[in-house]
N, C-alpha and C. Protein backbone atom coordinates (compact mmCIF):
# COMPACT_ATOMS: atom_id res chain seq x y z
N MET A 1 0.95 -1.56 -0.07
CA MET A 1 0.04 -0.09 -0.06
C MET A 1 0.63 1.23 0.16
N ASN A 2 0.67 2.02 -0.98
CA ASN A 2 1.51 3.37 -1.10
C ASN A 2 0.95 4.34 -0.50
N GLU A 3 1.38 4.46 1.17
CA GLU A 3 1.11 5.35 2.26
C GLU A 3 1.63 6.07 2.61
N PHE A 4 1.44 7.22 2.83
CA PHE A 4 2.30 8.81 3.41
C PHE A 4 1.35 9.42 4.22
N LYS A 5 2.33 10.26 5.11
CA LYS A 5 1.61 11.02 6.06
C LYS A 5 2.81 12.59 5.93
N VAL A 6 1.98 13.48 6.02
CA VAL A 6 2.29 14.68 6.08
C VAL A 6 2.08 15.38 7.31
N THR A 7 3.24 16.02 7.60
CA THR A 7 2.72 17.28 9.26
C THR A 7 2.46 18.32 8.84
N GLY A 8 1.51 19.07 9.20
CA GLY A 8 1.21 20.86 8.85
C GLY A 8 0.59 21.29 9.99
N SER A 9 -0.09 22.31 9.68
CA SER A 9 -1.32 22.63 9.98
C SER A 9 -2.83 22.63 9.40
N ALA A 10 -3.77 23.54 9.92
CA ALA A 10 -4.86 23.12 9.35
C ALA A 10 -5.54 23.91 9.63
N LEU A 11 -7.10 24.41 8.50
CA LEU A 11 -7.91 25.35 8.59
C LEU A 11 -9.30 25.04 8.47
N ILE A 12 -10.03 24.60 9.99
CA ILE A 12 -11.61 24.11 9.36
C ILE A 12 -12.49 25.12 10.17
N GLY A 13 -12.92 25.74 8.94
CA GLY A 13 -13.91 26.53 9.01
C GLY A 13 -13.01 27.93 9.51
N ARG A 14 -13.47 28.56 10.38
CA ARG A 14 -12.48 29.52 10.86
C ARG A 14 -11.52 29.33 12.13
N ASN A 15 -11.38 27.94 12.14
CA ASN A 15 -10.81 27.84 13.29
C ASN A 15 -9.14 27.21 12.49
N ARG A 16 -8.55 27.74 13.16
CA ARG A 16 -7.06 27.44 12.53
C ARG A 16 -6.15 26.42 13.26
N THR A 17 -5.48 25.62 13.16
CA THR A 17 -4.13 24.45 14.19
C THR A 17 -3.23 25.19 14.14
N GLY A 18 -2.09 25.36 14.93
CA GLY A 18 -1.03 25.20 14.24
C GLY A 18 0.00 24.68 14.01
N TRP A 19 1.22 24.51 13.35
CA TRP A 19 2.18 23.49 13.28
C TRP A 19 2.64 23.26 14.39
N PRO A 20 2.93 21.97 14.73
CA PRO A 20 2.53 20.68 13.93
C PRO A 20 1.16 19.82 14.09
N PHE A 21 0.42 20.43 14.70
CA PHE A 21 -0.77 20.10 15.33
C PHE A 21 -1.68 19.26 14.29
N ALA A 22 -1.43 19.27 13.17
CA ALA A 22 -2.30 18.59 11.97
C ALA A 22 -1.50 17.49 11.10
N SER A 23 -1.76 16.64 11.05
CA SER A 23 -1.48 15.82 9.88
C SER A 23 -2.41 14.88 8.87
N LEU A 24 -1.92 14.90 7.95
CA LEU A 24 -2.40 14.31 6.64
C LEU A 24 -2.09 12.97 6.42
N THR A 25 -3.15 12.01 6.60
CA THR A 25 -2.18 10.73 5.92
C THR A 25 -3.32 9.77 5.03
N VAL A 26 -2.67 9.44 3.90
CA VAL A 26 -3.36 9.27 2.61
C VAL A 26 -3.14 7.66 2.20
N SER A 27 -3.75 7.03 1.60
CA SER A 27 -3.57 5.70 0.97
C SER A 27 -4.72 5.34 -0.10
N SER A 28 -4.45 4.57 -0.80
CA SER A 28 -5.35 4.43 -1.92
C SER A 28 -7.01 4.08 -1.44
N ASN A 29 -6.82 3.80 -0.23
CA ASN A 29 -8.46 3.76 0.26
C ASN A 29 -8.91 4.85 1.06
N LYS A 30 -8.28 5.39 1.33
CA LYS A 30 -8.44 6.42 2.72
C LYS A 30 -7.86 7.93 2.89
N LEU A 31 -8.42 8.70 3.36
CA LEU A 31 -7.35 9.98 3.24
C LEU A 31 -8.08 10.52 4.63
N GLN A 32 -6.97 10.80 5.41
CA GLN A 32 -7.28 11.43 7.06
C GLN A 32 -6.68 12.59 7.46
N LEU A 33 -7.45 13.51 8.14
CA LEU A 33 -6.78 14.67 8.38
C LEU A 33 -7.18 14.76 9.55
N ASN A 34 -6.18 14.70 10.71
CA ASN A 34 -6.41 15.02 12.04
C ASN A 34 -5.44 15.94 12.54
N ALA A 35 -6.69 16.99 12.66
CA ALA A 35 -6.46 18.39 13.23
C ALA A 35 -6.72 18.45 14.88
N SER A 36 -6.51 17.44 15.24
CA SER A 36 -6.67 17.44 16.91
C SER A 36 -7.65 17.47 17.34
N LEU A 37 -7.74 18.17 18.55
CA LEU A 37 -9.57 18.63 19.01
C LEU A 37 -10.23 19.78 17.84
N PHE A 38 -9.45 20.13 16.98
CA PHE A 38 -10.89 20.75 16.26
C PHE A 38 -11.06 19.76 15.21
N GLY A 39 -10.87 18.12 15.24
CA GLY A 39 -11.66 16.85 14.86
C GLY A 39 -11.10 16.01 13.72
N ASN A 40 -11.19 15.06 13.68
CA ASN A 40 -10.43 14.30 12.91
C ASN A 40 -11.25 13.55 11.94
N PHE A 41 -10.77 13.89 10.42
CA PHE A 41 -11.63 13.76 8.94
C PHE A 41 -11.25 12.90 8.53
N VAL A 42 -12.10 11.84 8.08
CA VAL A 42 -11.62 10.79 7.62
C VAL A 42 -12.69 10.43 6.12
N PHE A 43 -12.03 10.09 5.14
CA PHE A 43 -12.62 9.83 4.19
C PHE A 43 -12.60 9.39 2.83
N ALA A 44 -13.41 8.41 2.57
CA ALA A 44 -13.00 7.41 1.30
C ALA A 44 -13.14 8.08 0.07
N PRO A 45 -12.51 7.72 -1.04
CA PRO A 45 -12.06 8.25 -2.29
C PRO A 45 -13.79 8.73 -2.56
N GLY A 46 -14.47 7.87 -2.48
CA GLY A 46 -15.94 8.42 -3.35
C GLY A 46 -16.40 9.72 -2.35
N ASP A 47 -15.92 10.18 -1.51
CA ASP A 47 -16.49 11.25 -0.77
C ASP A 47 -15.82 12.51 -1.06
N VAL A 48 -15.17 12.74 -1.86
CA VAL A 48 -14.16 13.60 -1.95
C VAL A 48 -14.45 13.69 -3.70
N PHE A 49 -15.04 15.12 -3.92
CA PHE A 49 -15.14 15.81 -5.30
C PHE A 49 -13.73 15.97 -5.65
N SER A 50 -13.08 16.61 -5.37
CA SER A 50 -11.55 17.27 -5.54
C SER A 50 -10.96 17.70 -4.48
N ILE A 51 -9.56 17.99 -4.74
CA ILE A 51 -8.31 18.41 -3.69
C ILE A 51 -7.80 19.33 -4.52
N VAL A 52 -7.90 20.75 -4.42
CA VAL A 52 -7.28 21.81 -5.08
C VAL A 52 -6.25 22.88 -3.99
N PRO A 53 -5.25 23.15 -5.04
CA PRO A 53 -4.49 24.48 -3.80
C PRO A 53 -5.37 25.66 -3.23
N ASP A 54 -4.97 25.51 -2.05
CA ASP A 54 -5.40 26.81 -1.48
C ASP A 54 -4.75 27.56 -0.83
N ASN A 55 -4.67 29.02 -0.91
CA ASN A 55 -4.09 30.30 -0.05
C ASN A 55 -4.06 30.58 1.29
N SER A 56 -5.04 30.13 2.01
CA SER A 56 -5.27 30.32 3.31
C SER A 56 -3.69 29.95 4.21
N GLY A 57 -3.07 29.11 3.90
CA GLY A 57 -1.74 29.29 4.82
C GLY A 57 -0.98 30.97 4.82
N LEU A 58 -1.16 31.50 4.00
CA LEU A 58 -0.98 33.28 3.99
C LEU A 58 0.68 32.93 3.82
N LEU A 59 1.52 33.22 5.13
CA LEU A 59 2.92 33.51 5.44
C LEU A 59 3.19 32.18 5.93
N ILE A 60 2.92 30.95 6.34
CA ILE A 60 3.21 30.21 7.13
C ILE A 60 3.06 28.42 5.72
N GLY A 61 2.77 29.11 4.90
CA GLY A 61 2.99 27.69 4.22
C GLY A 61 1.70 27.86 3.07
N LYS A 62 1.33 26.81 2.19
CA LYS A 62 -0.10 27.25 1.39
C LYS A 62 -0.20 25.86 1.73
N GLY A 63 -1.71 25.63 1.08
CA GLY A 63 -2.33 24.21 1.36
C GLY A 63 -3.15 23.98 0.46
N ILE A 64 -3.97 22.94 0.60
CA ILE A 64 -4.73 22.07 -0.46
C ILE A 64 -6.03 21.98 0.55
N ARG A 65 -7.30 22.43 -0.20
CA ARG A 65 -8.40 22.28 0.15
C ARG A 65 -9.58 21.14 -0.20
N ILE A 66 -9.48 20.55 0.54
CA ILE A 66 -10.60 19.08 0.18
C ILE A 66 -12.04 19.29 0.24
N TYR A 67 -12.73 18.99 -1.19
CA TYR A 67 -14.16 19.44 -1.59
C TYR A 67 -14.63 18.13 -1.48
N HIS A 68 -15.86 17.90 -0.31
CA HIS A 68 -15.90 16.50 -0.26
C HIS A 68 -17.65 16.69 0.14
N ARG A 69 -18.35 15.44 0.46
CA ARG A 69 -19.80 15.45 0.21
C ARG A 69 -20.48 14.75 1.69
N VAL A 70 -19.46 14.62 2.65
CA VAL A 70 -19.89 14.22 3.79
C VAL A 70 -20.70 15.50 4.87
N GLY A 71 -21.98 15.15 4.74
CA GLY A 71 -22.74 15.58 5.85
C GLY A 71 -22.49 16.53 7.06
N GLY A 72 -22.09 15.67 7.51
CA GLY A 72 -21.46 16.22 8.91
C GLY A 72 -20.45 16.78 9.27
N TYR A 73 -19.26 16.93 8.15
CA TYR A 73 -18.29 17.59 8.38
C TYR A 73 -18.49 19.41 7.79
N ASN A 74 -17.17 20.13 8.86
CA ASN A 74 -17.14 21.82 7.91
C ASN A 74 -16.91 21.17 6.43
N GLN A 75 -17.69 22.50 5.94
CA GLN A 75 -17.55 22.63 4.18
C GLN A 75 -16.26 23.03 3.83
N LYS A 76 -15.27 23.89 4.97
CA LYS A 76 -13.90 24.23 4.50
C LYS A 76 -13.10 23.57 5.13
N ILE A 77 -12.41 22.77 4.57
CA ILE A 77 -11.09 21.88 5.68
C ILE A 77 -10.19 21.88 4.14
N VAL A 78 -9.14 22.60 5.04
CA VAL A 78 -7.90 23.07 4.09
C VAL A 78 -6.73 22.33 4.82
N PHE A 79 -5.61 22.06 4.92
CA PHE A 79 -4.70 21.42 5.06
C PHE A 79 -3.54 21.90 4.74
N ILE A 80 -2.71 22.47 5.79
CA ILE A 80 -1.53 23.68 5.37
C ILE A 80 0.09 23.05 5.37
N SER A 81 0.78 23.17 4.50
CA SER A 81 2.07 22.35 4.88
C SER A 81 3.04 22.99 4.34
N LEU A 82 4.53 22.95 4.50
CA LEU A 82 5.45 23.74 3.59
C LEU A 82 5.85 22.92 2.34
N GLU A 83 5.06 21.74 2.26
CA GLU A 83 5.11 21.11 0.88
C GLU A 83 4.30 21.83 -0.22
N ASN A 84 4.81 22.05 -1.57
CA ASN A 84 4.03 22.70 -2.60
C ASN A 84 2.81 21.79 -2.73
N PRO A 85 1.68 22.68 -2.79
CA PRO A 85 0.52 22.34 -3.12
C PRO A 85 0.11 21.29 -4.11
N LEU A 86 0.85 21.73 -5.53
CA LEU A 86 0.76 20.62 -6.40
C LEU A 86 1.59 19.42 -6.22
N ALA A 87 2.64 19.67 -5.85
CA ALA A 87 3.31 18.39 -5.62
C ALA A 87 2.50 17.66 -4.31
N LEU A 88 1.76 17.83 -3.42
CA LEU A 88 1.37 17.39 -2.55
C LEU A 88 -0.15 16.43 -3.13
N ILE A 89 -0.60 17.01 -4.09
CA ILE A 89 -1.97 16.89 -4.60
C ILE A 89 -1.39 15.71 -5.38
N ASN A 90 -0.44 16.02 -6.17
CA ASN A 90 0.57 14.77 -7.01
C ASN A 90 0.81 13.26 -6.07
N ARG A 91 0.95 13.52 -4.91
CA ARG A 91 1.61 12.42 -4.28
C ARG A 91 -0.11 11.64 -3.63
N ILE A 92 -0.89 12.55 -3.77
CA ILE A 92 -1.85 12.20 -2.89
C ILE A 92 -2.60 11.07 -4.62
N GLU A 93 -2.47 11.81 -5.25
CA GLU A 93 -3.04 11.04 -6.93
C GLU A 93 -2.23 9.66 -6.74
N GLN A 94 -0.39 9.66 -6.99
CA GLN A 94 0.16 8.82 -7.07
C GLN A 94 -0.11 7.66 -5.79
N ALA A 95 -0.67 7.90 -4.84
CA ALA A 95 -0.90 6.85 -3.84
C ALA A 95 -2.40 6.60 -4.00
N GLY A 96 -2.88 6.76 -5.19
CA GLY A 96 -3.84 5.76 -5.68
C GLY A 96 -5.26 6.46 -5.36
N PHE A 97 -5.45 7.59 -3.96
CA PHE A 97 -6.59 7.94 -3.82
C PHE A 97 -7.87 8.29 -4.69
N LEU A 98 -7.17 9.40 -5.16
CA LEU A 98 -8.23 9.88 -5.99
C LEU A 98 -9.01 9.26 -7.01
N SER A 99 -8.02 8.41 -7.93
CA SER A 99 -8.20 7.67 -8.83
C SER A 99 -9.08 6.38 -8.61
N ASN A 100 -9.19 5.85 -7.56
CA ASN A 100 -9.59 4.47 -6.69
C ASN A 100 -11.21 4.28 -6.82
N LYS A 101 -11.18 3.44 -7.87
CA LYS A 101 -13.01 3.52 -7.70
C LYS A 101 -13.17 1.54 -7.85
N THR A 102 -12.42 0.94 -7.07
CA THR A 102 -12.23 -0.12 -6.65
C THR A 102 -13.36 -0.02 -5.07
N PRO A 103 -14.19 -0.93 -5.15
CA PRO A 103 -15.54 -0.93 -4.06
C PRO A 103 -14.39 -1.38 -3.01
N MET A 104 -14.64 -0.77 -2.02
CA MET A 104 -14.10 -0.71 -0.70
C MET A 104 -14.73 -2.84 0.32
N TYR A 105 -13.99 -2.62 0.85
CA TYR A 105 -14.17 -3.88 1.88
C TYR A 105 -15.24 -3.81 2.99
N THR A 106 -16.22 -4.28 3.03
CA THR A 106 -17.27 -3.71 3.93
C THR A 106 -16.87 -3.50 5.13
N SER A 107 -15.89 -3.97 5.80
CA SER A 107 -15.37 -3.45 7.05
C SER A 107 -15.06 -2.23 7.17
N GLU A 108 -13.97 -1.74 6.02
CA GLU A 108 -13.54 -0.77 6.13
C GLU A 108 -14.70 0.48 5.79
N LYS A 109 -15.39 0.29 4.93
CA LYS A 109 -16.48 1.56 4.69
C LYS A 109 -17.12 1.70 5.90
N GLU A 110 -17.56 0.32 6.47
CA GLU A 110 -18.42 0.49 7.74
C GLU A 110 -17.65 1.25 8.86
N GLU A 111 -16.15 1.20 9.25
CA GLU A 111 -15.47 2.21 9.63
C GLU A 111 -15.37 3.68 9.79
N ILE A 112 -15.14 3.98 8.26
CA ILE A 112 -15.29 5.22 7.77
C ILE A 112 -16.44 5.85 8.11
N ILE A 113 -17.62 5.50 8.00
CA ILE A 113 -18.99 5.66 7.75
C ILE A 113 -19.31 5.69 9.67
N ALA A 114 -18.48 5.24 10.18
CA ALA A 114 -18.77 4.92 11.67
C ALA A 114 -18.08 6.41 12.22
N THR A 115 -16.96 6.56 11.69
CA THR A 115 -16.32 7.79 11.84
C THR A 115 -16.64 8.89 11.66
N GLN A 116 -17.33 9.13 10.53
CA GLN A 116 -18.06 10.26 10.08
C GLN A 116 -19.09 10.65 10.69
N THR A 117 -20.00 9.31 11.21
CA THR A 117 -21.33 9.52 11.51
C THR A 117 -21.06 10.05 12.97
N SER A 118 -20.15 9.74 13.57
CA SER A 118 -19.52 10.49 15.25
C SER A 118 -19.21 11.70 15.33
N GLY A 119 -19.14 12.55 14.32
CA GLY A 119 -18.77 14.24 14.26
C GLY A 119 -17.10 13.91 13.94
N ALA A 120 -16.71 15.07 13.62
CA ALA A 120 -15.42 15.40 13.76
C ALA A 120 -14.66 15.34 15.13
N PHE A 121 -15.05 15.90 15.95
CA PHE A 121 -14.68 16.21 17.45
C PHE A 121 -14.39 14.94 17.99
N PRO A 122 -13.03 15.06 18.38
CA PRO A 122 -12.78 13.21 18.72
C PRO A 122 -13.29 13.02 20.25
N VAL A 123 -13.75 13.79 21.30
CA VAL A 123 -13.78 13.81 22.63
C VAL A 123 -15.50 13.91 22.64
N LYS A 124 -15.77 12.68 23.50
CA LYS A 124 -17.57 12.69 23.57
C LYS A 124 -17.70 13.91 24.47
N ILE A 125 -19.09 14.40 24.25
CA ILE A 125 -19.44 15.34 24.42
C ILE A 125 -19.88 15.65 25.64
N PRO A 126 -20.67 14.11 26.45
CA PRO A 126 -20.61 14.51 28.03
C PRO A 126 -19.33 14.41 28.70
N ALA A 127 -18.26 13.50 28.32
CA ALA A 127 -16.90 14.23 28.82
C ALA A 127 -16.08 15.52 28.72
N THR A 128 -16.60 16.10 27.63
CA THR A 128 -16.29 17.38 27.94
C THR A 128 -16.46 18.51 28.64
N ILE A 129 -18.28 17.92 28.82
CA ILE A 129 -19.25 18.98 29.24
C ILE A 129 -18.65 18.57 30.87
N VAL A 130 -18.08 17.73 31.46
CA VAL A 130 -18.07 17.34 32.92
C VAL A 130 -16.41 18.07 32.98
N ILE A 131 -15.72 17.96 32.00
CA ILE A 131 -14.07 18.48 32.59
C ILE A 131 -14.23 20.29 32.09
N VAL A 132 -15.10 20.54 31.38
CA VAL A 132 -15.49 21.92 31.57
C VAL A 132 -15.95 22.68 32.93
N ILE A 133 -16.85 21.73 33.45
CA ILE A 133 -17.61 21.96 34.98
C ILE A 133 -16.59 21.77 36.11
N ILE A 134 -16.20 21.06 36.01
CA ILE A 134 -14.80 20.67 37.10
C ILE A 134 -13.64 21.76 36.96
N TRP A 135 -13.01 22.50 35.63
CA TRP A 135 -12.39 23.35 35.42
C TRP A 135 -12.90 24.67 36.13
N ASN A 136 -14.09 25.32 35.72
CA ASN A 136 -14.83 25.78 36.48
C ASN A 136 -14.96 25.99 37.60
N LEU A 137 -15.33 25.06 38.17
CA LEU A 137 -15.66 24.67 39.89
C LEU A 137 -14.16 25.01 40.40
N CYS A 138 -13.04 24.79 39.49
CA CYS A 138 -11.60 25.06 40.34
C CYS A 138 -11.64 26.66 40.61
N LEU A 139 -12.32 27.27 39.61
CA LEU A 139 -11.48 28.36 38.86
C LEU A 139 -12.36 29.87 39.82
N ILE A 140 -13.81 29.07 39.76
CA ILE A 140 -14.85 30.59 40.24
C ILE A 140 -14.58 30.81 41.58
N PRO A 141 -14.19 29.85 42.50
CA PRO A 141 -13.85 30.39 43.91
C PRO A 141 -12.83 31.41 44.14
N GLY A 142 -12.03 31.41 43.48
CA GLY A 142 -11.12 31.72 43.38
C GLY A 142 -11.28 33.34 42.58
N ILE A 143 -12.00 33.17 41.83
CA ILE A 143 -11.75 34.87 41.53
C ILE A 143 -13.12 35.30 42.42
N PHE A 144 -14.13 35.16 42.53
CA PHE A 144 -14.67 35.95 43.85
C PHE A 144 -13.97 36.18 45.15
N ASN A 145 -12.70 35.26 45.40
CA ASN A 145 -12.16 35.42 46.67
C ASN A 145 -10.97 36.87 46.43
N MET A 146 -10.73 36.91 44.91
CA MET A 146 -9.99 37.97 44.35
C MET A 146 -10.42 38.77 44.44
N LEU A 147 -11.82 39.01 43.60
CA LEU A 147 -12.34 40.42 43.68
C LEU A 147 -13.09 40.70 45.02
N HIS A 148 -13.35 40.00 45.90
CA HIS A 148 -13.53 40.81 47.15
C HIS A 148 -12.59 41.24 47.90
N ASN A 149 -11.50 40.80 47.80
CA ASN A 149 -10.52 41.33 48.59
C ASN A 149 -9.02 42.21 47.86
N LYS A 150 -9.90 43.27 47.10
CA LYS A 150 -8.89 44.28 46.25
C LYS A 150 -8.05 43.65 44.95
N ASN A 151 -8.41 42.83 44.73
CA ASN A 151 -7.98 42.04 43.40
C ASN A 151 -6.85 41.52 43.68
N ASP A 152 -6.43 41.05 45.09
CA ASP A 152 -5.12 40.36 45.19
C ASP A 152 -5.12 39.04 43.96
N MET A 153 -4.12 39.08 43.35
CA MET A 153 -3.99 37.84 42.38
C MET A 153 -3.33 36.82 43.07
N HIS A 154 -2.70 36.89 44.35
CA HIS A 154 -2.05 35.76 45.21
C HIS A 154 -3.63 34.72 45.68
N LEU A 155 -4.36 35.86 45.84
CA LEU A 155 -5.55 34.79 46.39
C LEU A 155 -6.12 33.69 45.32
N PHE A 156 -5.73 34.12 44.22
CA PHE A 156 -6.13 33.30 42.70
C PHE A 156 -5.18 31.93 42.42
N VAL A 157 -3.99 32.22 43.30
CA VAL A 157 -2.90 31.35 42.79
C VAL A 157 -3.27 29.38 42.99
N PRO A 158 -3.96 29.42 44.58
CA PRO A 158 -4.34 28.23 44.99
C PRO A 158 -5.37 27.42 43.80
N ASN A 159 -6.38 28.12 43.10
CA ASN A 159 -7.04 27.45 42.16
C ASN A 159 -6.76 27.63 40.57
N VAL A 160 -5.75 28.40 40.49
CA VAL A 160 -5.05 28.21 39.16
C VAL A 160 -4.21 26.76 39.29
N GLN A 161 -3.94 26.91 40.23
CA GLN A 161 -3.05 25.73 40.49
C GLN A 161 -3.82 24.69 40.35
N LEU A 162 -4.91 24.63 41.26
CA LEU A 162 -5.63 23.15 41.13
C LEU A 162 -6.53 23.10 39.43
N ALA A 163 -6.87 24.06 38.82
CA ALA A 163 -7.40 23.76 37.52
C ALA A 163 -6.06 23.34 36.64
N THR A 164 -4.93 23.62 36.59
CA THR A 164 -3.85 23.40 35.97
C THR A 164 -3.41 21.78 36.00
N GLY A 165 -3.35 21.97 37.33
CA GLY A 165 -3.06 20.37 37.77
C GLY A 165 -4.37 19.53 37.27
N PHE A 166 -5.68 19.82 37.27
CA PHE A 166 -6.78 18.96 36.84
C PHE A 166 -6.14 18.63 35.64
N ILE A 167 -6.25 19.52 34.28
CA ILE A 167 -5.95 19.31 33.20
C ILE A 167 -4.74 18.49 33.25
N PHE A 168 -3.29 18.95 33.89
CA PHE A 168 -2.47 17.97 33.61
C PHE A 168 -2.78 16.26 34.03
N LEU A 169 -3.42 16.13 35.11
CA LEU A 169 -4.11 14.85 35.25
C LEU A 169 -4.63 14.16 33.97
N ILE A 170 -5.32 15.41 33.34
CA ILE A 170 -6.46 14.19 32.78
C ILE A 170 -5.33 13.83 31.32
N ALA A 171 -4.88 14.68 30.82
CA ALA A 171 -3.62 14.60 29.99
C ALA A 171 -2.69 13.22 30.14
N VAL A 172 -2.18 13.49 31.13
CA VAL A 172 -1.62 12.28 31.30
C VAL A 172 -1.99 11.21 31.49
N THR A 173 -2.84 10.94 31.96
CA THR A 173 -4.12 9.79 32.26
C THR A 173 -4.25 9.19 31.10
N LEU A 174 -4.71 10.11 30.02
CA LEU A 174 -5.01 9.92 28.85
C LEU A 174 -3.81 9.01 27.79
N LEU A 175 -2.58 9.53 28.46
CA LEU A 175 -1.43 8.93 27.57
C LEU A 175 -1.07 7.69 27.89
N ILE A 176 -1.45 7.22 29.19
CA ILE A 176 -1.03 5.81 29.97
C ILE A 176 -2.08 4.86 29.93
N SER A 177 -3.25 5.45 29.81
CA SER A 177 -4.65 4.58 30.39
C SER A 177 -5.32 4.37 29.36
N GLU A 178 -5.88 3.06 28.52
CA GLU A 178 -6.64 3.02 27.15
C GLU A 178 -8.02 2.97 28.03
N SER A 179 -8.35 2.61 29.11
CA SER A 179 -9.43 2.31 29.63
C SER A 179 -9.76 3.97 29.48
N PHE A 180 -9.14 4.51 30.15
CA PHE A 180 -9.57 6.06 30.64
C PHE A 180 -9.52 6.58 29.01
N GLY A 181 -9.13 6.35 27.91
CA GLY A 181 -9.20 7.09 26.65
C GLY A 181 -10.68 6.84 26.26
N ARG A 182 -10.97 5.35 26.33
CA ARG A 182 -12.19 5.07 25.55
C ARG A 182 -13.09 5.80 26.60
N VAL A 183 -13.06 6.03 28.06
CA VAL A 183 -14.18 7.08 28.53
C VAL A 183 -13.96 8.34 27.87
N ILE A 184 -13.12 9.19 27.39
CA ILE A 184 -12.90 10.30 27.09
C ILE A 184 -13.26 10.48 25.77
N LEU A 185 -12.43 9.80 25.04
CA LEU A 185 -13.15 9.41 23.05
C LEU A 185 -14.25 9.26 23.06
N LYS A 186 -14.40 9.29 21.88
CA LYS A 186 -15.60 8.67 20.79
C LYS A 186 -15.08 7.25 20.36
N PRO A 187 -15.93 6.59 20.29
CA PRO A 187 -15.61 5.09 19.61
C PRO A 187 -14.94 5.42 18.23
N GLY A 188 -13.97 4.47 18.10
CA GLY A 188 -12.73 4.67 17.25
C GLY A 188 -11.85 5.50 17.03
N ARG A 189 -11.92 6.33 17.90
CA ARG A 189 -10.69 7.19 18.27
C ARG A 189 -9.85 6.75 19.09
N THR A 190 -8.11 6.96 19.09
CA THR A 190 -7.56 6.59 19.87
C THR A 190 -6.45 8.35 20.28
N VAL A 191 -5.47 7.69 21.27
CA VAL A 191 -5.06 8.84 21.62
C VAL A 191 -3.98 9.70 20.86
N ASN A 192 -3.93 8.61 19.45
CA ASN A 192 -3.11 9.01 18.31
C ASN A 192 -3.56 10.39 18.12
N ASP A 193 -4.83 10.54 17.94
CA ASP A 193 -5.22 11.18 17.02
C ASP A 193 -5.32 12.30 17.96
N VAL A 194 -5.58 12.71 19.12
CA VAL A 194 -5.19 13.95 20.13
C VAL A 194 -3.79 14.09 20.77
N LYS A 195 -2.59 12.97 20.31
CA LYS A 195 -1.65 13.53 20.90
C LYS A 195 -0.85 14.67 20.83
N SER A 196 -0.52 14.94 19.89
CA SER A 196 0.17 16.27 20.02
C SER A 196 -0.87 17.39 20.53
N MET A 197 -1.75 17.52 20.69
CA MET A 197 -3.01 18.08 21.43
C MET A 197 -2.60 17.94 23.17
N ILE A 198 -2.43 16.80 23.69
CA ILE A 198 -2.09 16.42 24.67
C ILE A 198 -1.01 17.08 25.30
N TYR A 199 -0.14 16.85 24.68
CA TYR A 199 1.53 17.42 24.81
C TYR A 199 1.53 18.84 24.73
N PHE A 200 0.91 19.68 24.35
CA PHE A 200 -0.04 20.91 24.28
C PHE A 200 -0.29 21.58 25.35
N LEU A 201 -1.38 20.82 25.78
CA LEU A 201 -1.79 20.98 27.24
C LEU A 201 -0.93 21.07 28.55
N MET A 202 -0.25 19.58 28.06
CA MET A 202 0.52 19.67 29.49
C MET A 202 1.26 20.35 29.51
N PHE A 203 2.27 21.15 28.54
CA PHE A 203 2.77 22.34 28.20
C PHE A 203 2.46 23.40 28.82
N ILE A 204 0.92 23.75 28.57
CA ILE A 204 0.39 25.22 28.73
C ILE A 204 0.10 24.97 30.17
N SER A 205 -0.20 23.49 30.79
CA SER A 205 -0.92 23.36 32.17
C SER A 205 0.52 23.89 32.83
N ILE A 206 1.78 23.13 32.94
CA ILE A 206 3.07 23.73 33.51
C ILE A 206 3.40 24.93 33.42
N PHE A 207 3.35 25.37 32.40
CA PHE A 207 3.46 26.98 32.41
C PHE A 207 2.92 27.65 33.06
N LEU A 208 1.40 27.69 33.05
CA LEU A 208 0.57 28.57 34.14
C LEU A 208 0.50 28.45 35.16
N PHE A 209 1.03 26.59 35.88
CA PHE A 209 1.21 26.63 37.19
C PHE A 209 2.54 27.11 38.18
N LEU A 210 3.38 27.11 36.96
CA LEU A 210 4.63 27.69 37.25
C LEU A 210 4.58 29.38 37.24
N GLY A 211 3.74 29.73 36.29
CA GLY A 211 3.88 31.15 36.46
C GLY A 211 3.17 31.92 36.89
N PHE A 212 2.06 30.96 37.80
CA PHE A 212 1.01 31.92 39.03
C PHE A 212 1.98 31.43 40.47
N THR A 213 2.47 30.30 40.19
CA THR A 213 3.18 29.96 41.60
C THR A 213 4.46 31.26 41.84
N PHE A 214 4.76 31.50 41.11
CA PHE A 214 6.05 32.49 41.28
C PHE A 214 5.49 33.88 40.96
N ILE A 215 4.45 34.62 41.02
CA ILE A 215 3.97 35.68 40.74
C ILE A 215 4.56 36.65 42.16
N PRO A 216 5.51 37.50 41.67
CA PRO A 216 6.48 38.21 42.56
C PRO A 216 5.28 39.31 43.54
N ARG A 217 5.85 39.05 45.03
CA ARG A 217 4.80 39.59 45.83
C ARG A 217 5.18 41.27 46.17
């Protein structure tokens, strides 16, 4: 199988991921654009009308836009890399994806349809709601405490530490526990689909934790 993978960034509607938080994986039977938390988009050859050059990358590279017929996906899906768009489209053609008319195995097609039906966002909605609620519960008491004490930022520090520690714990647990991943991620999604974003969240959590911990008094 002539499969290849390219790392870059992506534009999904108005949402843009930075490099290297997106990847494009192409084979003769499947094209997959993984844009981390902005979505994991999977296409069979019959789902794609055309792939054309796109200038949405501006100064950080030029991209390719995927025109598709998958109803649940955003209509504007652009992958941006440092590779020349025409050269990348040529590689996709050489992989056999754009010209593939061969019927897919039932199991392959069912897997793609199941992923498309579940939506592009990889995290389960109930899990997302719970995480957001807990994050707010960590922060809100500190905000009120700070506002009622002449905006003393140091009163807010323990709450930021608690909130960022919570996010860091979620990220680490996702990396080391497959069972926890099944609770958080939608069926058919794996930690690899969001691994780059997990590392980014861990970095941001540590940065905020230390930044607030060492606020000058």
